[in-house]
Amino acid sequence: IPNDTIQRMLHSKMEQIPIPPVTEEELAFGKQFAQTIPNSRPDHPFSDILLPYDAETLGFASTDVGDVSWVCPTAQIWTACEVWNTPGHSWQYTAQGKSTRAKVMTAYAAKVMAAGVAELMENPELLSQAKAEHAKRVGPDGYIPPIPRDVKPMSMDSFKK
């Protein structure tokens, strides 16, 4: 469940915190991968710009935070940890996951999220606005789990023959 209030605030934090520049080492690494990825940009493999905020075209993915977002206001940010057009669930995506650039951009995301948490702690009105938006989006019934309450998970022992 997207929360425009928090996402806009996080975007403003991304505008305030400079994107770390790409090092020569990261650039060389990225160029190697860009050669293996269709429609990539070998001359400029990493995005180093912040796109304008647009609530209508935000990308979402299926993650474990999906269920959490039904219970409390939640937002996601995306940073460029891999070269342009790297397909998800590919060997290239996996191989870039422990790269220096991925670590640098993960640290950048952590700084943005920490600044966002501080903003919400210091600005109770903003937090109230996020909560009100969340309540409106999930409706009066809130989260209704798709698994009935009387269904009990099977133990791993039940799979042994």
N, C-alpha and C. Protein backbone atom coordinates (compact mmCIF):
# COMPACT_ATOMS: atom_id res chain seq x y z
N ILE A 1 0.86 -1.16 0.00
CA ILE A 1 0.00 0.00 0.00
C ILE A 1 0.91 1.23 0.00
N PRO A 2 0.99 1.93 -1.10
CA PRO A 2 1.88 3.10 -1.13
C PRO A 2 1.41 4.19 -0.17
N ASN A 3 2.36 4.95 0.30
CA ASN A 3 2.03 6.08 1.17
C ASN A 3 2.71 7.31 0.58
N ASP A 4 1.93 8.08 -0.15
CA ASP A 4 2.45 9.24 -0.85
C ASP A 4 3.10 10.24 0.10
N THR A 5 2.54 10.39 1.28
CA THR A 5 3.09 11.33 2.26
C THR A 5 4.53 10.98 2.59
N ILE A 6 4.78 9.73 2.91
CA ILE A 6 6.14 9.32 3.28
C ILE A 6 7.04 9.29 2.05
N GLN A 7 6.51 8.81 0.93
CA GLN A 7 7.34 8.73 -0.28
C GLN A 7 7.80 10.12 -0.73
N ARG A 8 6.92 11.10 -0.68
CA ARG A 8 7.33 12.47 -1.05
C ARG A 8 8.41 13.00 -0.09
N MET A 9 8.22 12.71 1.19
CA MET A 9 9.21 13.17 2.17
C MET A 9 10.56 12.49 1.92
N LEU A 10 10.55 11.18 1.63
CA LEU A 10 11.81 10.48 1.34
C LEU A 10 12.45 11.02 0.06
N HIS A 11 11.64 11.35 -0.92
CA HIS A 11 12.20 11.93 -2.14
C HIS A 11 12.87 13.26 -1.84
N SER A 12 12.26 14.05 -0.97
CA SER A 12 12.89 15.33 -0.61
C SER A 12 14.23 15.10 0.10
N LYS A 13 14.32 14.02 0.89
CA LYS A 13 15.59 13.69 1.54
C LYS A 13 16.62 13.27 0.49
N MET A 14 16.17 12.57 -0.54
CA MET A 14 17.08 12.18 -1.63
C MET A 14 17.59 13.42 -2.38
N GLU A 15 16.74 14.44 -2.47
CA GLU A 15 17.17 15.69 -3.10
C GLU A 15 18.21 16.41 -2.24
N GLN A 16 18.12 16.26 -0.93
CA GLN A 16 19.03 16.95 -0.02
C GLN A 16 20.36 16.22 0.16
N ILE A 17 20.35 14.91 0.06
CA ILE A 17 21.55 14.11 0.28
C ILE A 17 22.15 13.77 -1.08
N PRO A 18 23.34 14.27 -1.38
CA PRO A 18 23.90 14.05 -2.71
C PRO A 18 24.13 12.57 -3.02
N ILE A 19 23.84 12.20 -4.27
CA ILE A 19 24.12 10.83 -4.73
C ILE A 19 25.64 10.68 -4.79
N PRO A 20 26.18 9.62 -4.21
CA PRO A 20 27.63 9.43 -4.25
C PRO A 20 28.14 9.32 -5.68
N PRO A 21 29.22 10.00 -6.00
CA PRO A 21 29.76 9.92 -7.36
C PRO A 21 30.30 8.52 -7.66
N VAL A 22 30.27 8.16 -8.92
CA VAL A 22 30.80 6.87 -9.38
C VAL A 22 32.33 6.97 -9.45
N THR A 23 33.01 6.03 -8.81
CA THR A 23 34.48 6.03 -8.85
C THR A 23 34.97 5.39 -10.14
N GLU A 24 36.23 5.57 -10.44
CA GLU A 24 36.82 4.96 -11.64
C GLU A 24 36.72 3.44 -11.58
N GLU A 25 36.94 2.88 -10.39
CA GLU A 25 36.83 1.42 -10.21
C GLU A 25 35.41 0.94 -10.49
N GLU A 26 34.43 1.66 -9.96
CA GLU A 26 33.03 1.29 -10.19
C GLU A 26 32.66 1.44 -11.66
N LEU A 27 33.17 2.49 -12.29
CA LEU A 27 32.90 2.73 -13.70
C LEU A 27 33.44 1.58 -14.56
N ALA A 28 34.66 1.15 -14.29
CA ALA A 28 35.26 0.04 -15.05
C ALA A 28 34.45 -1.24 -14.85
N PHE A 29 34.05 -1.50 -13.62
CA PHE A 29 33.24 -2.67 -13.31
C PHE A 29 31.91 -2.60 -14.06
N GLY A 30 31.26 -1.44 -14.01
CA GLY A 30 29.97 -1.27 -14.67
C GLY A 30 30.06 -1.43 -16.17
N LYS A 31 31.12 -0.93 -16.78
CA LYS A 31 31.29 -1.06 -18.24
C LYS A 31 31.38 -2.52 -18.65
N GLN A 32 32.04 -3.34 -17.84
CA GLN A 32 32.13 -4.77 -18.15
C GLN A 32 30.74 -5.40 -18.17
N PHE A 33 29.93 -5.08 -17.19
CA PHE A 33 28.59 -5.65 -17.14
C PHE A 33 27.69 -5.08 -18.23
N ALA A 34 27.84 -3.82 -18.52
CA ALA A 34 26.99 -3.18 -19.53
C ALA A 34 27.14 -3.87 -20.89
N GLN A 35 28.30 -4.42 -21.15
CA GLN A 35 28.52 -5.12 -22.43
C GLN A 35 27.71 -6.41 -22.53
N THR A 36 27.24 -6.93 -21.40
CA THR A 36 26.47 -8.19 -21.40
C THR A 36 24.97 -7.97 -21.30
N ILE A 37 24.54 -6.71 -21.25
CA ILE A 37 23.13 -6.40 -21.01
C ILE A 37 22.56 -5.62 -22.20
N PRO A 38 21.56 -6.19 -22.88
CA PRO A 38 20.94 -5.48 -24.01
C PRO A 38 20.38 -4.13 -23.57
N ASN A 39 20.51 -3.14 -24.44
CA ASN A 39 19.99 -1.79 -24.22
C ASN A 39 20.59 -1.10 -23.00
N SER A 40 21.78 -1.53 -22.62
CA SER A 40 22.44 -0.84 -21.52
C SER A 40 23.23 0.33 -22.08
N ARG A 41 24.02 0.97 -21.23
CA ARG A 41 24.78 2.15 -21.65
C ARG A 41 26.24 1.97 -21.27
N PRO A 42 27.02 1.27 -22.10
CA PRO A 42 28.42 1.02 -21.75
C PRO A 42 29.23 2.29 -21.50
N ASP A 43 28.85 3.40 -22.14
CA ASP A 43 29.58 4.65 -21.96
C ASP A 43 29.26 5.31 -20.61
N HIS A 44 28.10 5.01 -20.06
CA HIS A 44 27.63 5.62 -18.80
C HIS A 44 26.77 4.57 -18.09
N PRO A 45 27.40 3.55 -17.50
CA PRO A 45 26.63 2.39 -17.03
C PRO A 45 25.71 2.62 -15.83
N PHE A 46 26.01 3.59 -14.98
CA PHE A 46 25.20 3.79 -13.78
C PHE A 46 24.40 5.08 -13.86
N SER A 47 23.19 5.03 -13.35
CA SER A 47 22.40 6.24 -13.23
C SER A 47 22.98 7.07 -12.08
N ASP A 48 23.15 8.34 -12.33
CA ASP A 48 23.65 9.23 -11.27
C ASP A 48 22.76 10.47 -11.14
N ILE A 49 21.50 10.27 -11.51
CA ILE A 49 20.52 11.36 -11.42
C ILE A 49 19.35 10.90 -10.54
N LEU A 50 18.68 11.85 -9.97
CA LEU A 50 17.46 11.57 -9.23
C LEU A 50 16.29 11.99 -10.11
N LEU A 51 15.45 11.04 -10.42
CA LEU A 51 14.29 11.34 -11.25
C LEU A 51 13.29 12.16 -10.45
N PRO A 52 12.49 12.98 -11.12
CA PRO A 52 11.46 13.74 -10.41
C PRO A 52 10.46 12.79 -9.77
N TYR A 53 9.87 13.22 -8.67
CA TYR A 53 8.87 12.39 -8.00
C TYR A 53 7.61 12.35 -8.83
N ASP A 54 7.09 11.16 -9.04
CA ASP A 54 5.85 10.99 -9.80
C ASP A 54 5.09 9.82 -9.19
N ALA A 55 4.10 10.10 -8.39
CA ALA A 55 3.35 9.05 -7.69
C ALA A 55 2.65 8.10 -8.65
N GLU A 56 2.37 8.55 -9.87
CA GLU A 56 1.65 7.71 -10.83
C GLU A 56 2.53 6.66 -11.48
N THR A 57 3.83 6.89 -11.53
CA THR A 57 4.70 5.95 -12.25
C THR A 57 5.73 5.29 -11.33
N LEU A 58 5.50 5.33 -10.03
CA LEU A 58 6.42 4.67 -9.12
C LEU A 58 6.46 3.18 -9.41
N GLY A 59 7.65 2.62 -9.37
CA GLY A 59 7.78 1.18 -9.56
C GLY A 59 7.63 0.46 -8.24
N PHE A 60 6.93 -0.66 -8.27
CA PHE A 60 6.77 -1.47 -7.07
C PHE A 60 7.17 -2.89 -7.41
N ALA A 61 7.58 -3.61 -6.44
CA ALA A 61 7.93 -5.01 -6.62
C ALA A 61 7.30 -5.80 -5.49
N SER A 62 7.18 -7.08 -5.72
CA SER A 62 6.64 -7.94 -4.68
C SER A 62 7.75 -8.25 -3.68
N THR A 63 7.56 -7.76 -2.45
CA THR A 63 8.54 -8.01 -1.41
C THR A 63 7.81 -8.36 -0.12
N ASP A 64 8.56 -8.77 0.87
CA ASP A 64 7.96 -9.11 2.16
C ASP A 64 7.32 -7.89 2.83
N VAL A 65 7.70 -6.70 2.40
CA VAL A 65 7.12 -5.52 3.03
C VAL A 65 5.67 -5.29 2.57
N GLY A 66 5.23 -6.02 1.57
CA GLY A 66 3.87 -5.85 1.08
C GLY A 66 2.82 -6.03 2.17
N ASP A 67 2.91 -7.12 2.93
CA ASP A 67 1.96 -7.34 4.01
C ASP A 67 2.11 -6.30 5.11
N VAL A 68 3.34 -5.89 5.38
CA VAL A 68 3.58 -4.86 6.41
C VAL A 68 2.86 -3.58 6.03
N SER A 69 2.87 -3.26 4.74
CA SER A 69 2.27 -2.00 4.30
C SER A 69 0.75 -1.95 4.53
N TRP A 70 0.13 -3.08 4.75
CA TRP A 70 -1.30 -3.10 5.07
C TRP A 70 -1.54 -2.76 6.54
N VAL A 71 -0.50 -2.88 7.37
CA VAL A 71 -0.64 -2.70 8.81
C VAL A 71 -0.19 -1.32 9.27
N CYS A 72 0.79 -0.74 8.59
CA CYS A 72 1.29 0.58 8.98
C CYS A 72 1.78 1.32 7.75
N PRO A 73 1.87 2.64 7.82
CA PRO A 73 2.36 3.42 6.68
C PRO A 73 3.77 2.95 6.29
N THR A 74 3.94 2.71 5.01
CA THR A 74 5.19 2.14 4.50
C THR A 74 5.54 2.83 3.19
N ALA A 75 6.83 2.97 2.94
CA ALA A 75 7.29 3.54 1.67
C ALA A 75 8.54 2.79 1.23
N GLN A 76 8.86 2.90 -0.04
CA GLN A 76 10.06 2.29 -0.58
C GLN A 76 10.83 3.34 -1.38
N ILE A 77 12.14 3.19 -1.36
CA ILE A 77 12.97 4.00 -2.26
C ILE A 77 13.81 3.04 -3.10
N TRP A 78 14.21 3.50 -4.24
CA TRP A 78 15.04 2.70 -5.14
C TRP A 78 16.31 3.49 -5.43
N THR A 79 17.43 2.80 -5.39
CA THR A 79 18.70 3.42 -5.76
C THR A 79 19.35 2.58 -6.85
N ALA A 80 20.23 3.19 -7.60
CA ALA A 80 20.90 2.52 -8.72
C ALA A 80 22.11 1.74 -8.23
N CYS A 81 21.86 0.50 -7.85
CA CYS A 81 22.93 -0.38 -7.37
C CYS A 81 23.51 -1.23 -8.49
N GLU A 82 22.90 -1.18 -9.66
CA GLU A 82 23.34 -1.98 -10.79
C GLU A 82 23.32 -1.12 -12.05
N VAL A 83 23.94 -1.61 -13.13
CA VAL A 83 24.00 -0.83 -14.36
C VAL A 83 22.61 -0.75 -15.01
N TRP A 84 22.45 0.26 -15.86
CA TRP A 84 21.19 0.49 -16.56
C TRP A 84 20.66 -0.81 -17.17
N ASN A 85 19.37 -1.01 -17.05
CA ASN A 85 18.63 -2.10 -17.71
C ASN A 85 19.07 -3.51 -17.31
N THR A 86 19.71 -3.65 -16.16
CA THR A 86 20.03 -5.00 -15.69
C THR A 86 18.72 -5.70 -15.36
N PRO A 87 18.45 -6.85 -15.99
CA PRO A 87 17.19 -7.54 -15.69
C PRO A 87 17.21 -8.13 -14.28
N GLY A 88 16.10 -7.98 -13.59
CA GLY A 88 15.98 -8.61 -12.28
C GLY A 88 16.04 -10.12 -12.42
N HIS A 89 16.48 -10.78 -11.38
CA HIS A 89 16.55 -12.24 -11.36
C HIS A 89 17.48 -12.79 -12.45
N SER A 90 18.48 -12.01 -12.84
CA SER A 90 19.45 -12.47 -13.84
C SER A 90 20.80 -12.71 -13.16
N TRP A 91 21.70 -13.39 -13.86
CA TRP A 91 23.03 -13.61 -13.28
C TRP A 91 23.75 -12.28 -13.11
N GLN A 92 23.49 -11.33 -14.02
CA GLN A 92 24.14 -10.03 -13.91
C GLN A 92 23.67 -9.28 -12.66
N TYR A 93 22.39 -9.36 -12.38
CA TYR A 93 21.84 -8.69 -11.20
C TYR A 93 22.46 -9.28 -9.94
N THR A 94 22.51 -10.59 -9.89
CA THR A 94 23.08 -11.28 -8.74
C THR A 94 24.56 -10.95 -8.58
N ALA A 95 25.29 -10.99 -9.68
CA ALA A 95 26.73 -10.75 -9.63
C ALA A 95 27.08 -9.33 -9.19
N GLN A 96 26.20 -8.38 -9.49
CA GLN A 96 26.46 -7.00 -9.10
C GLN A 96 26.06 -6.71 -7.65
N GLY A 97 25.36 -7.62 -7.02
CA GLY A 97 24.82 -7.40 -5.69
C GLY A 97 25.84 -7.16 -4.60
N LYS A 98 27.07 -7.63 -4.79
CA LYS A 98 28.11 -7.41 -3.78
C LYS A 98 29.18 -6.45 -4.27
N SER A 99 28.87 -5.73 -5.33
CA SER A 99 29.85 -4.79 -5.89
C SER A 99 30.02 -3.58 -4.97
N THR A 100 31.10 -2.87 -5.19
CA THR A 100 31.33 -1.64 -4.43
C THR A 100 30.19 -0.66 -4.64
N ARG A 101 29.72 -0.53 -5.89
CA ARG A 101 28.64 0.42 -6.17
C ARG A 101 27.36 0.03 -5.42
N ALA A 102 27.06 -1.25 -5.38
CA ALA A 102 25.87 -1.70 -4.65
C ALA A 102 25.99 -1.34 -3.17
N LYS A 103 27.16 -1.53 -2.60
CA LYS A 103 27.37 -1.21 -1.18
C LYS A 103 27.27 0.30 -0.94
N VAL A 104 27.85 1.08 -1.83
CA VAL A 104 27.80 2.55 -1.69
C VAL A 104 26.36 3.04 -1.78
N MET A 105 25.60 2.51 -2.74
CA MET A 105 24.23 2.97 -2.92
C MET A 105 23.30 2.43 -1.83
N THR A 106 23.62 1.28 -1.26
CA THR A 106 22.85 0.78 -0.12
C THR A 106 23.09 1.68 1.09
N ALA A 107 24.33 2.11 1.28
CA ALA A 107 24.63 3.05 2.37
C ALA A 107 23.92 4.39 2.13
N TYR A 108 23.85 4.82 0.87
CA TYR A 108 23.12 6.04 0.53
C TYR A 108 21.64 5.88 0.90
N ALA A 109 21.05 4.73 0.54
CA ALA A 109 19.64 4.48 0.88
C ALA A 109 19.44 4.50 2.39
N ALA A 110 20.38 3.94 3.12
CA ALA A 110 20.28 3.93 4.59
C ALA A 110 20.31 5.35 5.14
N LYS A 111 21.15 6.21 4.57
CA LYS A 111 21.19 7.62 5.01
C LYS A 111 19.86 8.31 4.75
N VAL A 112 19.29 8.05 3.57
CA VAL A 112 18.00 8.66 3.22
C VAL A 112 16.92 8.17 4.18
N MET A 113 16.89 6.88 4.44
CA MET A 113 15.87 6.33 5.34
C MET A 113 16.06 6.87 6.77
N ALA A 114 17.30 6.96 7.22
CA ALA A 114 17.55 7.50 8.57
C ALA A 114 17.09 8.96 8.65
N ALA A 115 17.36 9.73 7.62
CA ALA A 115 16.91 11.13 7.60
C ALA A 115 15.38 11.19 7.60
N GLY A 116 14.75 10.24 6.90
CA GLY A 116 13.29 10.18 6.87
C GLY A 116 12.70 9.82 8.22
N VAL A 117 13.31 8.87 8.90
CA VAL A 117 12.85 8.49 10.24
C VAL A 117 12.97 9.69 11.19
N ALA A 118 14.11 10.38 11.12
CA ALA A 118 14.30 11.56 11.97
C ALA A 118 13.22 12.60 11.69
N GLU A 119 12.91 12.80 10.41
CA GLU A 119 11.86 13.76 10.04
C GLU A 119 10.51 13.37 10.65
N LEU A 120 10.17 12.10 10.56
CA LEU A 120 8.89 11.65 11.12
C LEU A 120 8.87 11.76 12.64
N MET A 121 10.01 11.55 13.29
CA MET A 121 10.08 11.68 14.75
C MET A 121 9.98 13.14 15.18
N GLU A 122 10.53 14.02 14.39
CA GLU A 122 10.55 15.45 14.73
C GLU A 122 9.29 16.18 14.27
N ASN A 123 8.51 15.55 13.41
CA ASN A 123 7.36 16.21 12.82
C ASN A 123 6.11 15.34 13.01
N PRO A 124 5.51 15.36 14.19
CA PRO A 124 4.35 14.51 14.46
C PRO A 124 3.17 14.79 13.52
N GLU A 125 3.08 16.01 13.02
CA GLU A 125 2.00 16.34 12.09
C GLU A 125 2.15 15.55 10.79
N LEU A 126 3.39 15.42 10.30
CA LEU A 126 3.65 14.64 9.09
C LEU A 126 3.31 13.17 9.32
N LEU A 127 3.69 12.64 10.48
CA LEU A 127 3.38 11.26 10.81
C LEU A 127 1.86 11.05 10.89
N SER A 128 1.16 11.99 11.47
CA SER A 128 -0.30 11.90 11.54
C SER A 128 -0.91 11.90 10.14
N GLN A 129 -0.37 12.73 9.26
CA GLN A 129 -0.84 12.79 7.88
C GLN A 129 -0.61 11.44 7.19
N ALA A 130 0.57 10.84 7.41
CA ALA A 130 0.88 9.53 6.82
C ALA A 130 -0.08 8.46 7.34
N LYS A 131 -0.36 8.51 8.63
CA LYS A 131 -1.28 7.54 9.23
C LYS A 131 -2.69 7.72 8.68
N ALA A 132 -3.13 8.96 8.52
CA ALA A 132 -4.47 9.23 7.99
C ALA A 132 -4.58 8.73 6.54
N GLU A 133 -3.55 8.97 5.76
CA GLU A 133 -3.54 8.48 4.37
C GLU A 133 -3.62 6.95 4.36
N HIS A 134 -2.84 6.33 5.23
CA HIS A 134 -2.84 4.87 5.31
C HIS A 134 -4.23 4.35 5.66
N ALA A 135 -4.85 4.92 6.67
CA ALA A 135 -6.18 4.49 7.09
C ALA A 135 -7.18 4.62 5.95
N LYS A 136 -7.09 5.69 5.19
CA LYS A 136 -8.00 5.90 4.06
C LYS A 136 -7.77 4.84 2.98
N ARG A 137 -6.49 4.51 2.71
CA ARG A 137 -6.19 3.54 1.65
C ARG A 137 -6.60 2.11 2.02
N VAL A 138 -6.40 1.71 3.26
CA VAL A 138 -6.73 0.33 3.63
C VAL A 138 -8.20 0.17 3.96
N GLY A 139 -8.89 1.27 4.23
CA GLY A 139 -10.32 1.20 4.50
C GLY A 139 -10.62 0.80 5.93
N PRO A 140 -11.90 0.81 6.27
CA PRO A 140 -12.29 0.58 7.66
C PRO A 140 -12.00 -0.85 8.15
N ASP A 141 -11.93 -1.82 7.25
CA ASP A 141 -11.68 -3.20 7.66
C ASP A 141 -10.21 -3.50 7.84
N GLY A 142 -9.35 -2.60 7.38
CA GLY A 142 -7.91 -2.83 7.51
C GLY A 142 -7.46 -4.06 6.75
N TYR A 143 -6.42 -4.67 7.22
CA TYR A 143 -5.84 -5.83 6.56
C TYR A 143 -6.63 -7.09 6.89
N ILE A 144 -7.04 -7.79 5.86
CA ILE A 144 -7.73 -9.06 6.04
C ILE A 144 -6.82 -10.13 5.43
N PRO A 145 -6.19 -10.92 6.27
CA PRO A 145 -5.27 -11.94 5.74
C PRO A 145 -6.00 -12.91 4.81
N PRO A 146 -5.36 -13.32 3.72
CA PRO A 146 -6.02 -14.24 2.78
C PRO A 146 -6.11 -15.67 3.33
N ILE A 147 -5.34 -15.97 4.36
CA ILE A 147 -5.40 -17.30 4.97
C ILE A 147 -6.36 -17.23 6.16
N PRO A 148 -7.39 -18.06 6.14
CA PRO A 148 -8.36 -18.02 7.26
C PRO A 148 -7.67 -18.27 8.60
N ARG A 149 -8.19 -17.65 9.65
CA ARG A 149 -7.60 -17.74 10.98
C ARG A 149 -7.56 -19.16 11.52
N ASP A 150 -8.50 -20.01 11.11
CA ASP A 150 -8.54 -21.36 11.65
C ASP A 150 -7.55 -22.31 10.94
N VAL A 151 -6.90 -21.84 9.89
CA VAL A 151 -5.90 -22.67 9.20
C VAL A 151 -4.59 -22.61 9.98
N LYS A 152 -4.09 -23.78 10.34
CA LYS A 152 -2.84 -23.86 11.09
C LYS A 152 -1.74 -24.34 10.16
N PRO A 153 -0.57 -23.72 10.22
CA PRO A 153 0.53 -24.16 9.35
C PRO A 153 0.97 -25.57 9.72
N MET A 154 1.39 -26.31 8.71
CA MET A 154 1.89 -27.67 8.95
C MET A 154 3.32 -27.59 9.45
N SER A 155 3.68 -28.49 10.32
CA SER A 155 5.06 -28.52 10.80
C SER A 155 5.94 -29.17 9.73
N MET A 156 7.21 -28.88 9.77
CA MET A 156 8.14 -29.47 8.82
C MET A 156 8.19 -30.99 8.99
N ASP A 157 7.93 -31.45 10.20
CA ASP A 157 7.94 -32.90 10.45
C ASP A 157 6.87 -33.62 9.64
N SER A 158 5.79 -32.93 9.31
CA SER A 158 4.71 -33.58 8.56
C SER A 158 5.12 -33.88 7.13
N PHE A 159 6.21 -33.30 6.66
CA PHE A 159 6.67 -33.56 5.30
C PHE A 159 7.57 -34.79 5.22
N LYS A 160 8.01 -35.28 6.36
CA LYS A 160 8.86 -36.49 6.40
C LYS A 160 8.00 -37.71 6.18
N LYS A 161 8.53 -38.65 5.46
CA LYS A 161 7.78 -39.89 5.23
C LYS A 161 8.37 -41.02 6.01
